[in-house]
C-alpha atoms as a PDB file:
ATOM      1  CA  MET A   1      22.243 -18.120  -0.584  1.00  0.00           C
ATOM      2  CA  LEU A   2      21.533 -14.836  -2.365  1.00  0.00           C
ATOM      3  CA  ASP A   3      17.848 -15.710  -2.665  1.00  0.00           C
ATOM      4  CA  GLU A   4      17.718 -16.502   1.044  1.00  0.00           C
ATOM      5  CA  LEU A   5      19.280 -13.129   1.863  1.00  0.00           C
ATOM      6  CA  VAL A   6      16.753 -11.354  -0.352  1.00  0.00           C
ATOM      7  CA  THR A   7      13.951 -13.023   1.602  1.00  0.00           C
ATOM      8  CA  VAL A   8      15.495 -11.854   4.884  1.00  0.00           C
ATOM      9  CA  LEU A   9      15.989  -8.300   3.592  1.00  0.00           C
ATOM     10  CA  SER A  10      12.336  -8.066   2.593  1.00  0.00           C
ATOM     11  CA  ARG A  11      11.507  -8.184   6.304  1.00  0.00           C
ATOM     12  CA  CYS A  12      14.113  -5.625   7.407  1.00  0.00           C
ATOM     13  CA  LYS A  13      13.428  -1.950   7.971  1.00  0.00           C
ATOM     14  CA  ARG A  14      16.718  -0.634   9.348  1.00  0.00           C
ATOM     15  CA  CYS A  15      19.888  -1.287   7.347  1.00  0.00           C
ATOM     16  CA  VAL A  16      23.442  -0.272   8.223  1.00  0.00           C
ATOM     17  CA  VAL A  17      26.385  -0.689   5.857  1.00  0.00           C
ATOM     18  CA  LEU A  18      30.055  -0.498   6.902  1.00  0.00           C
ATOM     19  CA  THR A  19      32.707  -0.239   4.182  1.00  0.00           C
ATOM     20  CA  GLY A  20      36.479  -0.417   4.277  1.00  0.00           C
ATOM     21  CA  ALA A  21      39.537  -0.125   2.079  1.00  0.00           C
ATOM     22  CA  GLY A  22      38.690  -3.194   0.029  1.00  0.00           C
ATOM     23  CA  MET A  23      35.777  -1.399  -1.555  1.00  0.00           C
ATOM     24  CA  SER A  24      37.901   1.588  -2.523  1.00  0.00           C
ATOM     25  CA  ALA A  25      40.555  -0.758  -3.921  1.00  0.00           C
ATOM     26  CA  GLU A  26      37.972  -2.014  -6.417  1.00  0.00           C
ATOM     27  CA  SER A  27      37.862   1.522  -7.805  1.00  0.00           C
ATOM     28  CA  GLY A  28      41.633   1.608  -8.105  1.00  0.00           C
ATOM     29  CA  VAL A  29      42.235   3.851  -5.107  1.00  0.00           C
ATOM     30  CA  PRO A  30      46.008   3.719  -4.578  1.00  0.00           C
ATOM     31  CA  THR A  31      47.519   2.717  -1.274  1.00  0.00           C
ATOM     32  CA  PHE A  32      49.608   5.907  -1.191  1.00  0.00           C
ATOM     33  CA  ARG A  33      52.722   3.965  -0.361  1.00  0.00           C
ATOM     34  CA  GLY A  34      54.440   5.716  -3.274  1.00  0.00           C
ATOM     35  CA  ASP A  35      55.835   3.428  -5.944  1.00  0.00           C
ATOM     36  CA  GLU A  36      58.363   5.966  -7.084  1.00  0.00           C
ATOM     37  CA  GLY A  37      59.646   9.480  -6.548  1.00  0.00           C
ATOM     38  CA  LEU A  38      59.816  11.451  -3.321  1.00  0.00           C
ATOM     39  CA  TRP A  39      56.983   9.670  -1.493  1.00  0.00           C
ATOM     40  CA  ARG A  40      58.680   6.294  -1.727  1.00  0.00           C
ATOM     41  CA  LYS A  41      61.022   7.519   1.004  1.00  0.00           C
ATOM     42  CA  PHE A  42      58.180   7.929   3.492  1.00  0.00           C
ATOM     43  CA  ARG A  43      55.669   5.668   5.186  1.00  0.00           C
ATOM     44  CA  PRO A  44      52.143   7.071   5.655  1.00  0.00           C
ATOM     45  CA  GLU A  45      52.678   6.854   9.415  1.00  0.00           C
ATOM     46  CA  GLU A  46      55.530   9.332   9.077  1.00  0.00           C
ATOM     47  CA  LEU A  47      53.408  11.976   7.362  1.00  0.00           C
ATOM     48  CA  ALA A  48      49.835  11.447   8.561  1.00  0.00           C
ATOM     49  CA  ASN A  49      50.286  12.608  12.136  1.00  0.00           C
ATOM     50  CA  VAL A  50      50.243  15.843  14.114  1.00  0.00           C
ATOM     51  CA  ASP A  51      53.956  15.791  14.941  1.00  0.00           C
ATOM     52  CA  ALA A  52      54.900  15.582  11.266  1.00  0.00           C
ATOM     53  CA  PHE A  53      52.554  18.438  10.442  1.00  0.00           C
ATOM     54  CA  MET A  54      53.916  20.636  13.210  1.00  0.00           C
ATOM     55  CA  ALA A  55      57.517  19.893  12.186  1.00  0.00           C
ATOM     56  CA  ASN A  56      57.056  20.265   8.421  1.00  0.00           C
ATOM     57  CA  PRO A  57      53.543  21.320   7.345  1.00  0.00           C
ATOM     58  CA  GLU A  58      54.767  22.151   3.841  1.00  0.00           C
ATOM     59  CA  LEU A  59      55.914  18.578   3.259  1.00  0.00           C
ATOM     60  CA  VAL A  60      52.674  17.106   4.629  1.00  0.00           C
ATOM     61  CA  TRP A  61      50.587  19.366   2.401  1.00  0.00           C
ATOM     62  CA  GLU A  62      52.666  18.479  -0.645  1.00  0.00           C
ATOM     63  CA  TRP A  63      51.835  14.825   0.067  1.00  0.00           C
ATOM     64  CA  TYR A  64      48.133  15.499   0.502  1.00  0.00           C
ATOM     65  CA  ASN A  65      47.973  17.613  -2.649  1.00  0.00           C
ATOM     66  CA  TRP A  66      49.556  14.692  -4.516  1.00  0.00           C
ATOM     67  CA  ARG A  67      47.035  12.288  -2.992  1.00  0.00           C
ATOM     68  CA  ARG A  68      44.146  14.566  -3.946  1.00  0.00           C
ATOM     69  CA  GLN A  69      45.337  14.696  -7.535  1.00  0.00           C
ATOM     70  CA  LEU A  70      45.340  10.903  -7.658  1.00  0.00           C
ATOM     71  CA  MET A  71      41.871  10.810  -6.096  1.00  0.00           C
ATOM     72  CA  ALA A  72      40.533  13.084  -8.822  1.00  0.00           C
ATOM     73  CA  GLU A  73      41.164  10.291 -11.318  1.00  0.00           C
ATOM     74  CA  VAL A  74      39.199   7.679  -9.334  1.00  0.00           C
ATOM     75  CA  GLU A  75      35.480   7.022  -9.820  1.00  0.00           C
ATOM     76  CA  PRO A  76      32.865   5.032  -7.883  1.00  0.00           C
ATOM     77  CA  ASN A  77      32.551   1.389  -8.894  1.00  0.00           C
ATOM     78  CA  PRO A  78      29.320  -0.622  -9.363  1.00  0.00           C
ATOM     79  CA  GLY A  79      29.360  -1.526  -5.673  1.00  0.00           C
ATOM     80  CA  HIS A  80      29.164   2.136  -4.663  1.00  0.00           C
ATOM     81  CA  PHE A  81      26.198   2.710  -6.954  1.00  0.00           C
ATOM     82  CA  ALA A  82      24.490  -0.447  -5.687  1.00  0.00           C
ATOM     83  CA  ILE A  83      24.717   0.875  -2.124  1.00  0.00           C
ATOM     84  CA  THR A  84      23.170   4.138  -3.301  1.00  0.00           C
ATOM     85  CA  ALA A  85      20.284   2.125  -4.762  1.00  0.00           C
ATOM     86  CA  MET A  86      20.062   0.076  -1.565  1.00  0.00           C
ATOM     87  CA  GLU A  87      19.560   3.270   0.436  1.00  0.00           C
ATOM     88  CA  LYS A  88      16.138   3.673  -1.184  1.00  0.00           C
ATOM     89  CA  TRP A  89      14.954   0.202  -0.202  1.00  0.00           C
ATOM     90  CA  PHE A  90      14.847   0.600   3.551  1.00  0.00           C
ATOM     91  CA  GLU A  91      12.806   2.824   5.827  1.00  0.00           C
ATOM     92  CA  HIS A  92      16.032   3.747   7.625  1.00  0.00           C
ATOM     93  CA  PHE A  93      19.495   3.439   6.080  1.00  0.00           C
ATOM     94  CA  THR A  94      22.935   4.457   7.345  1.00  0.00           C
ATOM     95  CA  MET A  95      26.210   4.212   5.466  1.00  0.00           C
ATOM     96  CA  ILE A  96      29.323   4.069   7.662  1.00  0.00           C
ATOM     97  CA  THR A  97      32.708   4.182   5.961  1.00  0.00           C
ATOM     98  CA  GLN A  98      36.318   4.006   7.053  1.00  0.00           C
ATOM     99  CA  ASN A  99      37.391   5.415   3.671  1.00  0.00           C
ATOM    100  CA  VAL A 100      38.303   9.068   3.155  1.00  0.00           C
ATOM    101  CA  ASP A 101      37.985   9.155  -0.645  1.00  0.00           C
ATOM    102  CA  GLY A 102      34.417  10.484  -0.841  1.00  0.00           C
ATOM    103  CA  LEU A 103      33.381   7.863  -3.405  1.00  0.00           C
ATOM    104  CA  HIS A 104      30.128   7.041  -1.625  1.00  0.00           C
ATOM    105  CA  ARG A 105      29.058  10.681  -1.833  1.00  0.00           C
ATOM    106  CA  ALA A 106      30.146  10.804  -5.466  1.00  0.00           C
ATOM    107  CA  ALA A 107      27.903   7.798  -6.124  1.00  0.00           C
ATOM    108  CA  GLY A 108      24.944   9.641  -4.618  1.00  0.00           C
ATOM    109  CA  THR A 109      24.543   8.045  -1.190  1.00  0.00           C
ATOM    110  CA  LYS A 110      23.029  10.583   1.213  1.00  0.00           C
ATOM    111  CA  SER A 111      23.147   9.205   4.747  1.00  0.00           C
ATOM    112  CA  ILE A 112      26.879   8.787   5.413  1.00  0.00           C
ATOM    113  CA  LEU A 113      29.034   8.707   8.535  1.00  0.00           C
ATOM    114  CA  GLU A 114      32.700   9.148   7.577  1.00  0.00           C
ATOM    115  CA  LEU A 115      34.622   7.700  10.510  1.00  0.00           C
ATOM    116  CA  HIS A 116      38.045   8.831   9.296  1.00  0.00           C
ATOM    117  CA  GLY A 117      37.026  12.113   7.676  1.00  0.00           C
ATOM    118  CA  ASN A 118      37.243  13.134   4.038  1.00  0.00           C
ATOM    119  CA  ILE A 119      40.463  13.895   2.197  1.00  0.00           C
ATOM    120  CA  ALA A 120      38.777  16.598   0.107  1.00  0.00           C
ATOM    121  CA  ARG A 121      37.893  18.697   3.158  1.00  0.00           C
ATOM    122  CA  ASN A 122      40.055  20.981   5.309  1.00  0.00           C
ATOM    123  CA  LYS A 123      39.862  22.114   8.913  1.00  0.00           C
ATOM    124  CA  CYS A 124      41.808  24.115  11.484  1.00  0.00           C
ATOM    125  CA  LEU A 125      44.472  22.243  13.405  1.00  0.00           C
ATOM    126  CA  ASP A 126      43.657  24.126  16.614  1.00  0.00           C
ATOM    127  CA  CYS A 127      39.894  24.700  16.740  1.00  0.00           C
ATOM    128  CA  ASN A 128      38.678  22.090  14.188  1.00  0.00           C
ATOM    129  CA  ARG A 129      36.621  24.685  12.332  1.00  0.00           C
ATOM    130  CA  PRO A 130      35.931  23.617   8.717  1.00  0.00           C
ATOM    131  CA  PHE A 131      37.816  25.642   6.101  1.00  0.00           C
ATOM    132  CA  GLU A 132      36.669  25.848   2.502  1.00  0.00           C
ATOM    133  CA  ILE A 133      38.882  26.948  -0.354  1.00  0.00           C
ATOM    134  CA  GLU A 134      38.734  26.582  -4.119  1.00  0.00           C
ATOM    135  CA  GLY A 135      41.613  24.660  -5.639  1.00  0.00           C
ATOM    136  CA  GLU A 136      44.459  23.022  -3.791  1.00  0.00           C
ATOM    137  CA  ILE A 137      46.247  24.317  -0.719  1.00  0.00           C
ATOM    138  CA  ASP A 138      49.509  26.069  -1.567  1.00  0.00           C
ATOM    139  CA  SER A 139      52.050  24.156   0.522  1.00  0.00           C
ATOM    140  CA  GLY A 140      54.258  27.272   0.568  1.00  0.00           C
ATOM    141  CA  GLN A 141      51.467  29.506   1.841  1.00  0.00           C
ATOM    142  CA  ILE A 142      49.281  27.426   4.138  1.00  0.00           C
ATOM    143  CA  PRO A 143      46.159  29.398   5.086  1.00  0.00           C
ATOM    144  CA  ALA A 144      45.422  30.398   8.659  1.00  0.00           C
ATOM    145  CA  CYS A 145      42.082  29.821  10.342  1.00  0.00           C
ATOM    146  CA  PRO A 146      40.009  33.032  10.202  1.00  0.00           C
ATOM    147  CA  LYS A 147      38.663  32.260  13.686  1.00  0.00           C
ATOM    148  CA  CYS A 148      41.767  31.428  15.721  1.00  0.00           C
ATOM    149  CA  GLY A 149      44.763  31.748  13.394  1.00  0.00           C
ATOM    150  CA  GLY A 150      45.660  28.061  13.500  1.00  0.00           C
ATOM    151  CA  LYS A 151      47.143  26.262  10.502  1.00  0.00           C
ATOM    152  CA  ILE A 152      44.753  24.590   8.070  1.00  0.00           C
ATOM    153  CA  ARG A 153      45.124  20.803   7.762  1.00  0.00           C
ATOM    154  CA  PRO A 154      43.318  18.008   5.903  1.00  0.00           C
ATOM    155  CA  ASP A 155      40.074  16.953   7.569  1.00  0.00           C
ATOM    156  CA  VAL A 156      41.093  13.329   8.121  1.00  0.00           C
ATOM    157  CA  VAL A 157      41.893  11.294  11.213  1.00  0.00           C
ATOM    158  CA  TRP A 158      45.652  10.981  11.576  1.00  0.00           C
ATOM    159  CA  PHE A 159      47.608   8.256  13.314  1.00  0.00           C
ATOM    160  CA  GLY A 160      47.385   8.700  17.065  1.00  0.00           C
ATOM    161  CA  GLU A 161      44.160  10.739  16.887  1.00  0.00           C
ATOM    162  CA  MET A 162      40.751   9.795  18.243  1.00  0.00           C
ATOM    163  CA  LEU A 163      37.751   9.521  15.974  1.00  0.00           C
ATOM    164  CA  ASP A 164      35.205  12.303  16.153  1.00  0.00           C
ATOM    165  CA  PRO A 165      33.140  11.373  19.246  1.00  0.00           C
ATOM    166  CA  GLU A 166      29.780  12.392  17.761  1.00  0.00           C
ATOM    167  CA  THR A 167      30.403  10.425  14.571  1.00  0.00           C
ATOM    168  CA  ILE A 168      31.462   7.201  16.272  1.00  0.00           C
ATOM    169  CA  GLN A 169      28.653   7.527  18.831  1.00  0.00           C
ATOM    170  CA  SER A 170      26.139   7.857  15.990  1.00  0.00           C
ATOM    171  CA  ALA A 171      27.676   4.831  14.274  1.00  0.00           C
ATOM    172  CA  PHE A 172      27.262   2.631  17.361  1.00  0.00           C
ATOM    173  CA  SER A 173      23.747   3.923  17.921  1.00  0.00           C
ATOM    174  CA  GLU A 174      22.763   2.931  14.389  1.00  0.00           C
ATOM    175  CA  ALA A 175      24.492  -0.455  14.720  1.00  0.00           C
ATOM    176  CA  GLU A 176      22.565  -1.223  17.903  1.00  0.00           C
ATOM    177  CA  ARG A 177      19.229  -0.573  16.161  1.00  0.00           C
ATOM    178  CA  ALA A 178      19.967  -2.287  12.844  1.00  0.00           C
ATOM    179  CA  ASP A 179      17.836  -5.129  11.514  1.00  0.00           C
ATOM    180  CA  VAL A 180      20.584  -5.999   9.037  1.00  0.00           C
ATOM    181  CA  PHE A 181      24.240  -4.997   9.069  1.00  0.00           C
ATOM    182  CA  PHE A 182      26.535  -5.290   6.038  1.00  0.00           C
ATOM    183  CA  SER A 183      30.322  -5.408   6.500  1.00  0.00           C
ATOM    184  CA  ILE A 184      31.876  -4.799   3.088  1.00  0.00           C
ATOM    185  CA  GLY A 185      35.553  -4.811   2.139  1.00  0.00           C
ATOM    186  CA  THR A 186      36.849  -4.251   5.646  1.00  0.00           C
ATOM    187  CA  SER A 187      39.453  -6.332   7.472  1.00  0.00           C
ATOM    188  CA  ALA A 188      37.416  -6.150  10.698  1.00  0.00           C
ATOM    189  CA  VAL A 189      40.556  -5.649  12.775  1.00  0.00           C
ATOM    190  CA  VAL A 190      40.764  -1.843  13.143  1.00  0.00           C
ATOM    191  CA  HIS A 191      38.893  -0.658  16.202  1.00  0.00           C
ATOM    192  CA  PRO A 192      36.556   0.889  17.093  1.00  0.00           C
ATOM    193  CA  ALA A 193      35.021   0.303  13.628  1.00  0.00           C
ATOM    194  CA  ALA A 194      35.614  -3.449  13.931  1.00  0.00           C
ATOM    195  CA  SER A 195      33.278  -3.510  16.938  1.00  0.00           C
ATOM    196  CA  LEU A 196      30.314  -2.123  15.000  1.00  0.00           C
ATOM    197  CA  PRO A 197      29.235  -5.356  13.254  1.00  0.00           C
ATOM    198  CA  VAL A 198      29.765  -7.324  16.471  1.00  0.00           C
ATOM    199  CA  THR A 199      27.578  -4.837  18.331  1.00  0.00           C
ATOM    200  CA  ALA A 200      24.865  -5.140  15.680  1.00  0.00           C
ATOM    201  CA  LYS A 201      24.978  -8.944  15.819  1.00  0.00           C
ATOM    202  CA  ARG A 202      24.697  -8.968  19.613  1.00  0.00           C
ATOM    203  CA  GLN A 203      21.623  -6.758  19.380  1.00  0.00           C
ATOM    204  CA  GLY A 204      19.932  -9.194  17.022  1.00  0.00           C
ATOM    205  CA  ALA A 205      20.820  -7.880  13.573  1.00  0.00           C
ATOM    206  CA  VAL A 206      21.353 -10.172  10.615  1.00  0.00           C
ATOM    207  CA  LEU A 207      25.063  -9.898   9.824  1.00  0.00           C
ATOM    208  CA  VAL A 208      26.227 -10.010   6.203  1.00  0.00           C
ATOM    209  CA  GLU A 209      29.891 -10.019   5.202  1.00  0.00           C
ATOM    210  CA  ILE A 210      31.060  -9.334   1.642  1.00  0.00           C
ATOM    211  CA  ASN A 211      34.799  -9.774   1.284  1.00  0.00           C
ATOM    212  CA  PRO A 212      37.050 -11.936  -0.925  1.00  0.00           C
ATOM    213  CA  GLU A 213      39.234 -12.588   2.132  1.00  0.00           C
ATOM    214  CA  ARG A 214      38.159 -14.168   5.392  1.00  0.00           C
ATOM    215  CA  THR A 215      38.260 -11.929   8.463  1.00  0.00           C
ATOM    216  CA  PRO A 216      37.694 -12.285  12.211  1.00  0.00           C
ATOM    217  CA  LEU A 217      34.064 -11.473  11.432  1.00  0.00           C
ATOM    218  CA  SER A 218      33.562 -14.373   9.018  1.00  0.00           C
ATOM    219  CA  GLU A 219      32.574 -16.941  11.650  1.00  0.00           C
ATOM    220  CA  LEU A 220      29.979 -14.573  13.135  1.00  0.00           C
ATOM    221  CA  ALA A 221      28.301 -13.681   9.854  1.00  0.00           C
ATOM    222  CA  ASP A 222      24.851 -15.068   9.092  1.00  0.00           C
ATOM    223  CA  PHE A 223      25.601 -14.624   5.401  1.00  0.00           C
ATOM    224  CA  ARG A 224      29.136 -14.549   4.009  1.00  0.00           C
ATOM    225  CA  PHE A 225      29.967 -13.901   0.369  1.00  0.00           C
ATOM    226  CA  SER A 226      33.541 -14.414  -0.792  1.00  0.00           C
ATOM    227  CA  ALA A 227      33.224 -11.852  -3.559  1.00  0.00           C
ATOM    228  CA  CYS A 228      34.009  -8.292  -4.539  1.00  0.00           C
ATOM    229  CA  SER A 229      31.338  -5.742  -3.728  1.00  0.00           C
ATOM    230  CA  GLY A 230      31.255  -4.509  -7.316  1.00  0.00           C
ATOM    231  CA  GLU A 231      30.086  -7.948  -8.405  1.00  0.00           C
ATOM    232  CA  LEU A 232      27.913  -9.104  -5.524  1.00  0.00           C
ATOM    233  CA  LEU A 233      25.994  -5.928  -4.657  1.00  0.00           C
ATOM    234  CA  PRO A 234      24.599  -5.237  -8.159  1.00  0.00           C
ATOM    235  CA  SER A 235      23.413  -8.872  -8.264  1.00  0.00           C
ATOM    236  CA  LEU A 236      21.769  -8.428  -4.878  1.00  0.00           C
ATOM    237  CA  MET A 237      19.962  -5.302  -6.023  1.00  0.00           C
ATOM    238  CA  ASP A 238      18.792  -7.042  -9.212  1.00  0.00           C
ATOM    239  CA  ALA A 239      17.387  -9.873  -7.098  1.00  0.00           C
ATOM    240  CA  LEU A 240      15.604  -7.394  -4.812  1.00  0.00           C
ATOM    241  CA  ARG A 241      14.047  -5.647  -7.797  1.00  0.00           C
ATOM    242  CA  GLU A 242      12.826  -8.939  -9.241  1.00  0.00           C
ATOM    243  CA  THR A 243      11.286  -9.930  -5.918  1.00  0.00           C
ATOM    244  CA  SER A 244       9.445  -6.637  -5.574  1.00  0.00           C
ATOM    245  CA  GLY A 245       8.336  -6.566  -9.181  1.00  0.00           C
ATOM    246  CA  GLY A 246      10.730  -3.852 -10.337  1.00  0.00           C
ATOM    247  CA  GLY A 247      11.304  -0.279  -9.265  1.00  0.00           C
ATOM    248  CA  ASP A 248      14.391   1.706  -8.382  1.00  0.00           C
END
């Protein structure tokens, strides 16, 4: 089946890749449920929302600083690097991710739409202006936005918040024009991201699913691989290189 997919890909010009938590899990990204200590007392839903931040911003920032420290120990896996290599194979390539860990950027992928933001970035709670600072945010002295005075928060999508309209619009636009659409390590149940591969399929794209677990998308996929991305994607790239006679 891999050889058949390689043949199909050789005719494709526009490729879109959607990744979810399963891909990050292969790199050892923790679930942040908190196995021990203070954070075991909280569910993510209780901290990752506007109400929690307004009520106790110090506590929320302590949690995010802890998460960022854990993230600093995580590195891209072979699947991330394979996607970076894949980006060079198509005339037009778009990487869409539901993950906030920044691992795709760390692996060198350039064209990325981060649907849920990036945990390493900050922004103003009130005006959404990006805020850059070296080092971690001091939870006891949370900076104020230099433009409007609002509190600085992590630049991620919290529970109850809408996705950035420009980002999700761009994602659907790319899905509608894709020749091939990869759904990798995502449960395909969280909307609106779950609608992206369906949209691509309806517009005529070849749909490829890479996931050890079956999902609602599995029956729609033209190619389904019950495998981890870190194993399957490097093999796919090797096969593409062999077909083309080498190259990067």
